[in-house]
Amino acid sequence: MTGVPVPAGLALRPMLPADIDEVHALECSVFPHPWSRANFDDCLVSGYDAWVARDEAGKQAGKLAGYFLLMYALDEAHLLDVAVAGERHGTGLGRWLLDSLCARAREMGATSVLLEVRPSNERALHVYRRYGFEEIGRRKGYYPAHEGKREDAIVMRLDV
């Protein structure tokens, strides 16, 4: 992505089918209601814009640090999923992934990025708000929750 410096020791590249098992494992490790492996397969088959960040060198070489998936509709990018490996939380990697996905969205002609986030995901809400995303609405009962219940989604938007 143009204009976004890559942190030392990391590489960002398109997600490949060979990445899906590891991406799904990271997803399961950080979300209480993770996507299925088939969701990731479907995203790649559908041609969604999917990227992985991996360590490049040292004893961590090749280790997955994070990922994101974008879908485009007209001049808007929809952030479908983004995750940072648990041991990387609080290191600035999430902000770098947001910088990278916003740059990618601009490269693809988008003027804004839209996302949904659970109200219970306070860490993500804090990151998104600090980054500049603004709440534009709610989707009632959007997410599955514990014991068969549903949780709303906060819809957020950022002009890029």
Foldseek 3Di string as FASTA:
>chain_A
DPPQDDPPQKDKDFDDLVCLVVQQVQQVVPDPDGDDSVVVVVLVVVPWGKMWMAGCDDPRHGPTAKMWTWDDDDQEIETPDIDGRPVCPPVCVVVSVVVVVVVVSVVVRHFKYKYWDFPVPVSVVVVCVVSPWDFDDKAPQPAQDPPRGGTIIGMTMDGD
